[in-house]
Structures are given as structure tokens and as C-alpha cells.
Amino acid sequence: MLIVPIIGWLALFGYIVRLINEFAEGRYEGLIKLDFMEDIKLGLMMFLKALPFYIIYAIILYAATYVSETFGNLVSLLLGVFVIPMLAVNFFRKQTVESFFEFDILNVVRDNLGEYIITVLKQYALGIVFLILSIVLVGIPGMFFTNSIFIANMYGRLVEKRTESDL
């Protein structure tokens, strides 16, 4: 019986991956339909593929915190704002273990730093709105579904357009 809640989280994770891909492709017609079994499979596969990256990420944060708690917090903040979101959307798009380690995608952040900061601020503002709405339990699902939509949109406009123009 302990596995039942995990299945729901895997389905939600698979659904979020599909939703982020919709936004990266520029499709905003409405929410996509939940396909519970397919979303469970996708969520499980993506979870397993993400494990190597998150293990390395945890080791880096542990090592940085071991040096100094302040340094660890700074590394966590910088990675959490400038590195992880773009790598995560790249991972959701390509769905390969290697895509979490394609650090050259971060050049988009460097080359469009102003737009990226505005995108992140919009993301945090939306999170605050859903946090306020969660008082009445309306915003919690919305917070999960919209976690990376702005970064996925920027990824689709900047990375995939660049890839298409290279062809």
C-alpha cells in the first residue's frame, strides 16, 4: 500500500514533462489531457534518468556546504536559479540522461541574461501568486503544472529556433 502515493507522483511528473514540452513548442491552447498510464511510465522513466544528475548535484552541494555553509548556500542559489531550470527543460525536451549534462545550453542564459532574469522573476511571481492561492487549496496543483512554463517558452524560442536555423 505504501507504493500507491508514489504512483500518483510519477503520473504527475510525467504529465508535467508533457506540459512543459507543450509550452516549449509554443502550444498554449489549454491544458493537455491526463493519460494516467502513459504519464506513470513517462514519469518513472524520467525519474530514473534524472537520478545520476541529482546525485551529482547533491554531492556538489554537500561539498560546497562542507567548505562553508555560506558558500554552500550561494552555490545552491546560483545553481537553482541560473543552471538547473534550463538544464531541466532541456532534459524534459530531449528525455535523455546526457541532456542534463549539455552545459552548452547555458550559453542561452548567458547570452540573454536580462530576458532570463525577467523570466525567472515572472516564474517566482507566479509561484507567489499560487502560494497565496494555496491558502484555499486552489494554487497547489497550478504551482506544479506551471513550474517551468516560462523557461520552457524561452527554451523553445531561443534554443530550438537556433537549432532550426543551424540546419
N, C-alpha and C. Protein backbone atom coordinates (compact mmCIF):
# COMPACT_ATOMS: atom_id res chain seq x y z
N MET A 1 0.81 -1.20 0.00
CA MET A 1 0.00 0.00 0.00
C MET A 1 0.85 1.27 0.00
N LEU A 2 2.09 1.16 0.45
CA LEU A 2 2.93 2.36 0.50
C LEU A 2 3.29 2.88 -0.89
N ILE A 3 3.18 2.04 -1.90
CA ILE A 3 3.57 2.45 -3.25
C ILE A 3 2.48 3.28 -3.94
N VAL A 4 1.24 3.23 -3.46
CA VAL A 4 0.13 3.92 -4.11
C VAL A 4 0.38 5.43 -4.24
N PRO A 5 0.81 6.14 -3.19
CA PRO A 5 1.05 7.58 -3.38
C PRO A 5 2.18 7.86 -4.36
N ILE A 6 3.16 6.99 -4.45
CA ILE A 6 4.27 7.19 -5.38
C ILE A 6 3.78 7.14 -6.82
N ILE A 7 2.82 6.28 -7.10
CA ILE A 7 2.28 6.16 -8.46
C ILE A 7 1.66 7.48 -8.89
N GLY A 8 0.93 8.12 -8.00
CA GLY A 8 0.33 9.42 -8.32
C GLY A 8 1.38 10.47 -8.63
N TRP A 9 2.47 10.48 -7.86
CA TRP A 9 3.54 11.45 -8.11
C TRP A 9 4.23 11.18 -9.44
N LEU A 10 4.40 9.91 -9.78
CA LEU A 10 5.01 9.57 -11.07
C LEU A 10 4.11 10.02 -12.22
N ALA A 11 2.80 9.82 -12.08
CA ALA A 11 1.86 10.27 -13.12
C ALA A 11 1.91 11.79 -13.23
N LEU A 12 1.97 12.48 -12.10
CA LEU A 12 2.04 13.94 -12.12
C LEU A 12 3.34 14.40 -12.78
N PHE A 13 4.45 13.73 -12.48
CA PHE A 13 5.73 14.09 -13.08
C PHE A 13 5.70 13.88 -14.59
N GLY A 14 5.14 12.76 -15.04
CA GLY A 14 5.02 12.51 -16.48
C GLY A 14 4.14 13.56 -17.15
N TYR A 15 3.06 13.94 -16.49
CA TYR A 15 2.16 14.97 -17.02
C TYR A 15 2.89 16.31 -17.12
N ILE A 16 3.67 16.64 -16.10
CA ILE A 16 4.42 17.91 -16.10
C ILE A 16 5.42 17.93 -17.25
N VAL A 17 6.09 16.81 -17.50
CA VAL A 17 7.03 16.73 -18.62
C VAL A 17 6.31 17.01 -19.93
N ARG A 18 5.15 16.39 -20.12
CA ARG A 18 4.38 16.63 -21.35
C ARG A 18 3.91 18.08 -21.43
N LEU A 19 3.48 18.65 -20.30
CA LEU A 19 3.01 20.04 -20.29
C LEU A 19 4.14 21.01 -20.63
N ILE A 20 5.32 20.79 -20.07
CA ILE A 20 6.46 21.65 -20.36
C ILE A 20 6.84 21.55 -21.84
N ASN A 21 6.76 20.36 -22.40
CA ASN A 21 7.04 20.20 -23.83
C ASN A 21 6.04 20.96 -24.68
N GLU A 22 4.78 20.98 -24.27
CA GLU A 22 3.77 21.76 -25.00
C GLU A 22 4.14 23.24 -25.00
N PHE A 23 4.55 23.76 -23.86
CA PHE A 23 4.92 25.17 -23.78
C PHE A 23 6.17 25.46 -24.58
N ALA A 24 7.14 24.56 -24.54
CA ALA A 24 8.38 24.77 -25.30
C ALA A 24 8.10 24.79 -26.80
N GLU A 25 7.07 24.06 -27.22
CA GLU A 25 6.70 24.03 -28.64
C GLU A 25 5.77 25.18 -29.01
N GLY A 26 5.40 26.02 -28.03
CA GLY A 26 4.56 27.18 -28.31
C GLY A 26 3.08 26.87 -28.40
N ARG A 27 2.65 25.75 -27.84
CA ARG A 27 1.22 25.40 -27.87
C ARG A 27 0.60 25.74 -26.53
N TYR A 28 -0.31 26.74 -26.55
CA TYR A 28 -0.93 27.22 -25.32
C TYR A 28 -2.45 27.10 -25.37
N GLU A 29 -3.00 26.20 -26.17
CA GLU A 29 -4.45 26.14 -26.35
C GLU A 29 -5.19 25.83 -25.05
N GLY A 30 -4.61 25.10 -24.19
CA GLY A 30 -5.25 24.71 -22.95
C GLY A 30 -4.48 23.56 -22.33
N LEU A 31 -4.94 23.13 -21.19
CA LEU A 31 -4.27 22.02 -20.53
C LEU A 31 -4.41 20.75 -21.35
N ILE A 32 -3.36 19.96 -21.36
CA ILE A 32 -3.41 18.69 -22.08
C ILE A 32 -4.15 17.67 -21.22
N LYS A 33 -4.68 16.66 -21.86
CA LYS A 33 -5.45 15.64 -21.17
C LYS A 33 -4.50 14.67 -20.46
N LEU A 34 -4.84 14.35 -19.24
CA LEU A 34 -4.06 13.40 -18.45
C LEU A 34 -4.26 12.00 -19.00
N ASP A 35 -3.17 11.33 -19.32
CA ASP A 35 -3.19 9.92 -19.72
C ASP A 35 -2.46 9.17 -18.62
N PHE A 36 -3.22 8.69 -17.64
CA PHE A 36 -2.65 8.22 -16.38
C PHE A 36 -1.57 7.16 -16.58
N MET A 37 -1.84 6.13 -17.36
CA MET A 37 -0.87 5.04 -17.52
C MET A 37 0.38 5.51 -18.27
N GLU A 38 0.19 6.26 -19.35
CA GLU A 38 1.34 6.76 -20.10
C GLU A 38 2.14 7.76 -19.27
N ASP A 39 1.44 8.58 -18.48
CA ASP A 39 2.14 9.55 -17.64
C ASP A 39 2.92 8.86 -16.52
N ILE A 40 2.40 7.75 -16.00
CA ILE A 40 3.15 6.98 -15.00
C ILE A 40 4.44 6.44 -15.63
N LYS A 41 4.32 5.86 -16.81
CA LYS A 41 5.51 5.31 -17.49
C LYS A 41 6.53 6.41 -17.77
N LEU A 42 6.04 7.53 -18.32
CA LEU A 42 6.94 8.65 -18.62
C LEU A 42 7.56 9.19 -17.34
N GLY A 43 6.76 9.36 -16.30
CA GLY A 43 7.27 9.87 -15.03
C GLY A 43 8.33 8.96 -14.42
N LEU A 44 8.11 7.66 -14.47
CA LEU A 44 9.08 6.70 -13.93
C LEU A 44 10.38 6.74 -14.73
N MET A 45 10.27 6.73 -16.05
CA MET A 45 11.47 6.76 -16.89
C MET A 45 12.26 8.05 -16.68
N MET A 46 11.55 9.18 -16.61
CA MET A 46 12.24 10.46 -16.42
C MET A 46 12.88 10.53 -15.03
N PHE A 47 12.20 10.00 -14.03
CA PHE A 47 12.76 9.97 -12.69
C PHE A 47 14.05 9.17 -12.65
N LEU A 48 14.02 7.98 -13.26
CA LEU A 48 15.22 7.13 -13.27
C LEU A 48 16.35 7.77 -14.07
N LYS A 49 16.01 8.42 -15.18
CA LYS A 49 17.04 9.08 -16.00
C LYS A 49 17.62 10.30 -15.29
N ALA A 50 16.85 10.94 -14.43
CA ALA A 50 17.32 12.15 -13.74
C ALA A 50 18.19 11.83 -12.52
N LEU A 51 18.11 10.62 -12.02
CA LEU A 51 18.86 10.26 -10.80
C LEU A 51 20.35 10.55 -10.88
N PRO A 52 21.06 10.17 -11.95
CA PRO A 52 22.50 10.47 -11.98
C PRO A 52 22.81 11.96 -11.81
N PHE A 53 22.03 12.80 -12.46
CA PHE A 53 22.27 14.24 -12.35
C PHE A 53 22.03 14.71 -10.92
N TYR A 54 20.93 14.31 -10.33
CA TYR A 54 20.62 14.79 -8.99
C TYR A 54 21.55 14.22 -7.93
N ILE A 55 22.11 13.05 -8.16
CA ILE A 55 23.13 12.52 -7.24
C ILE A 55 24.38 13.39 -7.30
N ILE A 56 24.81 13.73 -8.52
CA ILE A 56 25.98 14.60 -8.68
C ILE A 56 25.69 15.98 -8.10
N TYR A 57 24.50 16.50 -8.35
CA TYR A 57 24.08 17.80 -7.82
C TYR A 57 24.13 17.80 -6.29
N ALA A 58 23.64 16.74 -5.66
CA ALA A 58 23.66 16.64 -4.20
C ALA A 58 25.09 16.59 -3.68
N ILE A 59 25.97 15.87 -4.38
CA ILE A 59 27.38 15.80 -3.97
C ILE A 59 28.03 17.17 -4.06
N ILE A 60 27.76 17.90 -5.14
CA ILE A 60 28.32 19.26 -5.29
C ILE A 60 27.84 20.16 -4.16
N LEU A 61 26.54 20.12 -3.87
CA LEU A 61 26.01 20.96 -2.79
C LEU A 61 26.58 20.55 -1.43
N TYR A 62 26.73 19.26 -1.21
CA TYR A 62 27.31 18.79 0.04
C TYR A 62 28.75 19.27 0.17
N ALA A 63 29.52 19.14 -0.91
CA ALA A 63 30.92 19.57 -0.88
C ALA A 63 31.02 21.08 -0.66
N ALA A 64 30.17 21.84 -1.32
CA ALA A 64 30.19 23.30 -1.16
C ALA A 64 29.80 23.69 0.27
N THR A 65 28.83 23.00 0.83
CA THR A 65 28.41 23.29 2.20
C THR A 65 29.48 22.85 3.19
N TYR A 66 30.23 21.81 2.86
CA TYR A 66 31.32 21.35 3.72
C TYR A 66 32.41 22.41 3.81
N VAL A 67 32.67 23.10 2.69
CA VAL A 67 33.67 24.18 2.68
C VAL A 67 33.20 25.30 3.60
N SER A 68 31.97 25.72 3.41
CA SER A 68 31.40 26.79 4.21
C SER A 68 29.90 26.78 4.00
N GLU A 69 29.15 26.99 5.06
CA GLU A 69 27.70 27.00 4.91
C GLU A 69 27.25 28.13 4.00
N THR A 70 27.88 29.28 4.13
CA THR A 70 27.54 30.42 3.27
C THR A 70 27.86 30.10 1.82
N PHE A 71 29.02 29.51 1.58
CA PHE A 71 29.40 29.13 0.21
C PHE A 71 28.42 28.10 -0.35
N GLY A 72 28.02 27.14 0.46
CA GLY A 72 27.04 26.14 0.03
C GLY A 72 25.71 26.77 -0.34
N ASN A 73 25.27 27.73 0.47
CA ASN A 73 24.02 28.42 0.17
C ASN A 73 24.13 29.23 -1.12
N LEU A 74 25.27 29.87 -1.33
CA LEU A 74 25.48 30.66 -2.55
C LEU A 74 25.50 29.75 -3.79
N VAL A 75 26.20 28.63 -3.70
CA VAL A 75 26.24 27.68 -4.82
C VAL A 75 24.84 27.15 -5.09
N SER A 76 24.10 26.81 -4.04
CA SER A 76 22.74 26.31 -4.20
C SER A 76 21.85 27.35 -4.88
N LEU A 77 21.97 28.60 -4.47
CA LEU A 77 21.17 29.68 -5.07
C LEU A 77 21.52 29.87 -6.53
N LEU A 78 22.82 29.96 -6.84
CA LEU A 78 23.23 30.18 -8.23
C LEU A 78 22.85 29.01 -9.13
N LEU A 79 23.06 27.79 -8.67
CA LEU A 79 22.68 26.64 -9.48
C LEU A 79 21.16 26.55 -9.63
N GLY A 80 20.45 26.83 -8.54
CA GLY A 80 19.00 26.73 -8.56
C GLY A 80 18.32 27.77 -9.42
N VAL A 81 18.96 28.92 -9.61
CA VAL A 81 18.36 29.99 -10.41
C VAL A 81 18.87 29.99 -11.84
N PHE A 82 20.17 29.81 -12.03
CA PHE A 82 20.76 30.01 -13.35
C PHE A 82 21.10 28.72 -14.12
N VAL A 83 21.18 27.59 -13.45
CA VAL A 83 21.65 26.37 -14.12
C VAL A 83 20.55 25.31 -14.21
N ILE A 84 20.02 24.90 -13.08
CA ILE A 84 19.09 23.78 -13.02
C ILE A 84 17.84 23.99 -13.88
N PRO A 85 17.18 25.15 -13.82
CA PRO A 85 15.94 25.28 -14.61
C PRO A 85 16.14 25.05 -16.11
N MET A 86 17.17 25.63 -16.70
CA MET A 86 17.38 25.47 -18.14
C MET A 86 17.80 24.04 -18.47
N LEU A 87 18.66 23.45 -17.64
CA LEU A 87 19.05 22.06 -17.87
C LEU A 87 17.86 21.12 -17.71
N ALA A 88 16.97 21.43 -16.77
CA ALA A 88 15.78 20.58 -16.56
C ALA A 88 14.86 20.64 -17.77
N VAL A 89 14.63 21.83 -18.32
CA VAL A 89 13.77 21.94 -19.50
C VAL A 89 14.43 21.23 -20.69
N ASN A 90 15.74 21.36 -20.82
CA ASN A 90 16.46 20.64 -21.88
C ASN A 90 16.28 19.13 -21.71
N PHE A 91 16.37 18.67 -20.46
CA PHE A 91 16.17 17.26 -20.15
C PHE A 91 14.74 16.82 -20.48
N PHE A 92 13.76 17.64 -20.13
CA PHE A 92 12.37 17.30 -20.42
C PHE A 92 12.12 17.25 -21.93
N ARG A 93 12.79 18.11 -22.68
CA ARG A 93 12.60 18.13 -24.14
C ARG A 93 13.23 16.91 -24.80
N LYS A 94 14.48 16.62 -24.45
CA LYS A 94 15.22 15.56 -25.15
C LYS A 94 15.05 14.19 -24.50
N GLN A 95 14.73 14.17 -23.21
CA GLN A 95 14.45 12.96 -22.45
C GLN A 95 15.58 11.94 -22.49
N THR A 96 16.82 12.43 -22.42
CA THR A 96 17.98 11.55 -22.33
C THR A 96 18.81 11.95 -21.11
N VAL A 97 19.54 11.00 -20.56
CA VAL A 97 20.41 11.29 -19.42
C VAL A 97 21.44 12.35 -19.81
N GLU A 98 21.98 12.22 -21.02
CA GLU A 98 23.02 13.15 -21.49
C GLU A 98 22.52 14.59 -21.55
N SER A 99 21.24 14.78 -21.82
CA SER A 99 20.72 16.14 -21.99
C SER A 99 20.80 16.94 -20.70
N PHE A 100 20.85 16.28 -19.55
CA PHE A 100 21.01 17.00 -18.29
C PHE A 100 22.45 17.51 -18.13
N PHE A 101 23.36 16.98 -18.94
CA PHE A 101 24.76 17.37 -18.86
C PHE A 101 25.21 18.18 -20.07
N GLU A 102 24.29 18.69 -20.86
CA GLU A 102 24.62 19.54 -22.00
C GLU A 102 24.74 20.99 -21.52
N PHE A 103 25.87 21.28 -20.91
CA PHE A 103 26.06 22.58 -20.28
C PHE A 103 26.18 23.72 -21.28
N ASP A 104 26.42 23.40 -22.55
CA ASP A 104 26.49 24.47 -23.55
C ASP A 104 25.15 25.15 -23.74
N ILE A 105 24.06 24.51 -23.31
CA ILE A 105 22.73 25.13 -23.39
C ILE A 105 22.66 26.36 -22.48
N LEU A 106 23.55 26.40 -21.49
CA LEU A 106 23.57 27.54 -20.57
C LEU A 106 24.07 28.81 -21.24
N ASN A 107 24.67 28.69 -22.43
CA ASN A 107 25.06 29.88 -23.18
C ASN A 107 23.85 30.73 -23.52
N VAL A 108 22.69 30.11 -23.66
CA VAL A 108 21.46 30.86 -23.91
C VAL A 108 21.16 31.77 -22.72
N VAL A 109 21.39 31.27 -21.52
CA VAL A 109 21.18 32.09 -20.32
C VAL A 109 22.18 33.25 -20.32
N ARG A 110 23.45 32.94 -20.58
CA ARG A 110 24.47 33.98 -20.59
C ARG A 110 24.20 35.03 -21.67
N ASP A 111 23.84 34.58 -22.86
CA ASP A 111 23.64 35.50 -23.98
C ASP A 111 22.35 36.31 -23.86
N ASN A 112 21.41 35.85 -23.06
CA ASN A 112 20.12 36.53 -22.88
C ASN A 112 19.84 36.74 -21.40
N LEU A 113 20.85 37.20 -20.66
CA LEU A 113 20.76 37.28 -19.21
C LEU A 113 19.60 38.16 -18.75
N GLY A 114 19.41 39.30 -19.38
CA GLY A 114 18.31 40.19 -18.99
C GLY A 114 16.96 39.52 -19.15
N GLU A 115 16.74 38.90 -20.30
CA GLU A 115 15.47 38.21 -20.54
C GLU A 115 15.31 37.04 -19.58
N TYR A 116 16.41 36.34 -19.30
CA TYR A 116 16.33 35.20 -18.40
C TYR A 116 15.95 35.66 -16.99
N ILE A 117 16.55 36.75 -16.53
CA ILE A 117 16.23 37.26 -15.19
C ILE A 117 14.76 37.66 -15.11
N ILE A 118 14.26 38.32 -16.16
CA ILE A 118 12.84 38.68 -16.19
C ILE A 118 11.97 37.42 -16.19
N THR A 119 12.39 36.41 -16.94
CA THR A 119 11.66 35.14 -16.98
C THR A 119 11.63 34.49 -15.61
N VAL A 120 12.76 34.47 -14.92
CA VAL A 120 12.82 33.87 -13.59
C VAL A 120 11.97 34.68 -12.61
N LEU A 121 12.02 36.01 -12.71
CA LEU A 121 11.19 36.84 -11.83
C LEU A 121 9.70 36.58 -12.07
N LYS A 122 9.31 36.41 -13.34
CA LYS A 122 7.91 36.06 -13.64
C LYS A 122 7.57 34.71 -13.03
N GLN A 123 8.51 33.77 -13.11
CA GLN A 123 8.29 32.44 -12.54
C GLN A 123 8.08 32.53 -11.04
N TYR A 124 8.92 33.30 -10.35
CA TYR A 124 8.78 33.45 -8.90
C TYR A 124 7.51 34.22 -8.55
N ALA A 125 7.16 35.23 -9.34
CA ALA A 125 5.92 35.98 -9.09
C ALA A 125 4.71 35.05 -9.21
N LEU A 126 4.71 34.20 -10.23
CA LEU A 126 3.62 33.24 -10.39
C LEU A 126 3.59 32.26 -9.21
N GLY A 127 4.76 31.83 -8.77
CA GLY A 127 4.83 30.95 -7.60
C GLY A 127 4.26 31.61 -6.36
N ILE A 128 4.54 32.90 -6.18
CA ILE A 128 3.99 33.64 -5.03
C ILE A 128 2.47 33.73 -5.14
N VAL A 129 1.97 34.00 -6.35
CA VAL A 129 0.52 34.05 -6.55
C VAL A 129 -0.11 32.71 -6.16
N PHE A 130 0.47 31.60 -6.64
CA PHE A 130 -0.08 30.29 -6.30
C PHE A 130 0.10 29.97 -4.82
N LEU A 131 1.16 30.46 -4.22
CA LEU A 131 1.34 30.26 -2.79
C LEU A 131 0.23 30.95 -2.01
N ILE A 132 -0.11 32.17 -2.42
CA ILE A 132 -1.22 32.89 -1.79
C ILE A 132 -2.53 32.14 -2.04
N LEU A 133 -2.72 31.66 -3.27
CA LEU A 133 -3.95 30.92 -3.59
C LEU A 133 -4.02 29.59 -2.85
N SER A 134 -2.88 29.05 -2.46
CA SER A 134 -2.88 27.75 -1.79
C SER A 134 -3.53 27.81 -0.42
N ILE A 135 -3.74 29.02 0.08
CA ILE A 135 -4.45 29.16 1.35
C ILE A 135 -5.82 28.51 1.25
N VAL A 136 -6.41 28.59 0.07
CA VAL A 136 -7.71 27.95 -0.14
C VAL A 136 -7.56 26.69 -1.00
N LEU A 137 -6.35 26.16 -1.10
CA LEU A 137 -6.03 24.92 -1.82
C LEU A 137 -6.40 24.96 -3.30
N VAL A 138 -6.30 26.12 -3.90
CA VAL A 138 -6.56 26.25 -5.33
C VAL A 138 -5.25 26.23 -6.10
N GLY A 139 -4.22 26.83 -5.55
CA GLY A 139 -2.99 27.04 -6.30
C GLY A 139 -1.97 25.93 -6.26
N ILE A 140 -2.09 24.97 -5.38
CA ILE A 140 -1.07 23.93 -5.27
C ILE A 140 -0.92 23.14 -6.57
N PRO A 141 -2.00 22.61 -7.15
CA PRO A 141 -1.82 21.92 -8.44
C PRO A 141 -1.28 22.85 -9.52
N GLY A 142 -1.75 24.08 -9.54
CA GLY A 142 -1.27 25.04 -10.54
C GLY A 142 0.21 25.31 -10.40
N MET A 143 0.71 25.34 -9.17
CA MET A 143 2.13 25.58 -8.95
C MET A 143 2.96 24.46 -9.55
N PHE A 144 2.51 23.22 -9.45
CA PHE A 144 3.24 22.10 -10.04
C PHE A 144 3.20 22.14 -11.56
N PHE A 145 2.03 22.46 -12.12
CA PHE A 145 1.88 22.42 -13.57
C PHE A 145 2.62 23.55 -14.26
N THR A 146 2.78 24.67 -13.57
CA THR A 146 3.38 25.83 -14.22
C THR A 146 4.81 26.07 -13.77
N ASN A 147 5.43 25.10 -13.15
CA ASN A 147 6.75 25.26 -12.56
C ASN A 147 7.80 25.78 -13.54
N SER A 148 7.78 25.35 -14.77
CA SER A 148 8.83 25.76 -15.71
C SER A 148 8.29 26.26 -17.04
N ILE A 149 7.05 26.75 -17.07
CA ILE A 149 6.47 27.12 -18.37
C ILE A 149 7.18 28.30 -19.00
N PHE A 150 7.59 29.28 -18.21
CA PHE A 150 8.25 30.44 -18.79
C PHE A 150 9.62 30.08 -19.34
N ILE A 151 10.36 29.24 -18.61
CA ILE A 151 11.67 28.81 -19.08
C ILE A 151 11.51 27.89 -20.29
N ALA A 152 10.47 27.05 -20.30
CA ALA A 152 10.21 26.19 -21.46
C ALA A 152 9.89 27.04 -22.68
N ASN A 153 9.13 28.11 -22.48
CA ASN A 153 8.81 29.01 -23.59
C ASN A 153 10.07 29.66 -24.13
N MET A 154 10.93 30.16 -23.24
CA MET A 154 12.18 30.78 -23.67
C MET A 154 13.06 29.76 -24.38
N TYR A 155 13.12 28.55 -23.86
CA TYR A 155 13.89 27.48 -24.48
C TYR A 155 13.41 27.24 -25.91
N GLY A 156 12.11 27.14 -26.08
CA GLY A 156 11.56 26.89 -27.40
C GLY A 156 11.87 28.01 -28.37
N ARG A 157 11.78 29.25 -27.89
CA ARG A 157 12.03 30.39 -28.76
C ARG A 157 13.51 30.55 -29.10
N LEU A 158 14.39 30.31 -28.13
CA LEU A 158 15.81 30.62 -28.34
C LEU A 158 16.64 29.40 -28.75
N VAL A 159 16.45 28.28 -28.09
CA VAL A 159 17.28 27.11 -28.37
C VAL A 159 16.80 26.40 -29.62
N GLU A 160 15.51 26.11 -29.69
CA GLU A 160 15.02 25.35 -30.84
C GLU A 160 15.02 26.18 -32.11
N LYS A 161 14.86 27.47 -32.01
CA LYS A 161 14.97 28.33 -33.19
C LYS A 161 16.41 28.33 -33.69
N ARG A 162 17.37 28.35 -32.73
CA ARG A 162 18.78 28.32 -33.09
C ARG A 162 19.12 27.00 -33.77
N THR A 163 18.57 25.90 -33.24
CA THR A 163 18.82 24.59 -33.82
C THR A 163 18.24 24.51 -35.23
N GLU A 164 17.04 25.05 -35.44
CA GLU A 164 16.41 25.04 -36.76
C GLU A 164 17.20 25.88 -37.75
N SER A 165 17.74 27.01 -37.29
CA SER A 165 18.50 27.87 -38.20
C SER A 165 19.86 27.28 -38.54
N ASP A 166 20.38 26.39 -37.67
CA ASP A 166 21.66 25.73 -37.96
C ASP A 166 21.50 24.66 -39.04
N LEU A 167 20.27 24.17 -39.21
CA LEU A 167 20.03 23.12 -40.21
C LEU A 167 20.02 23.72 -41.54
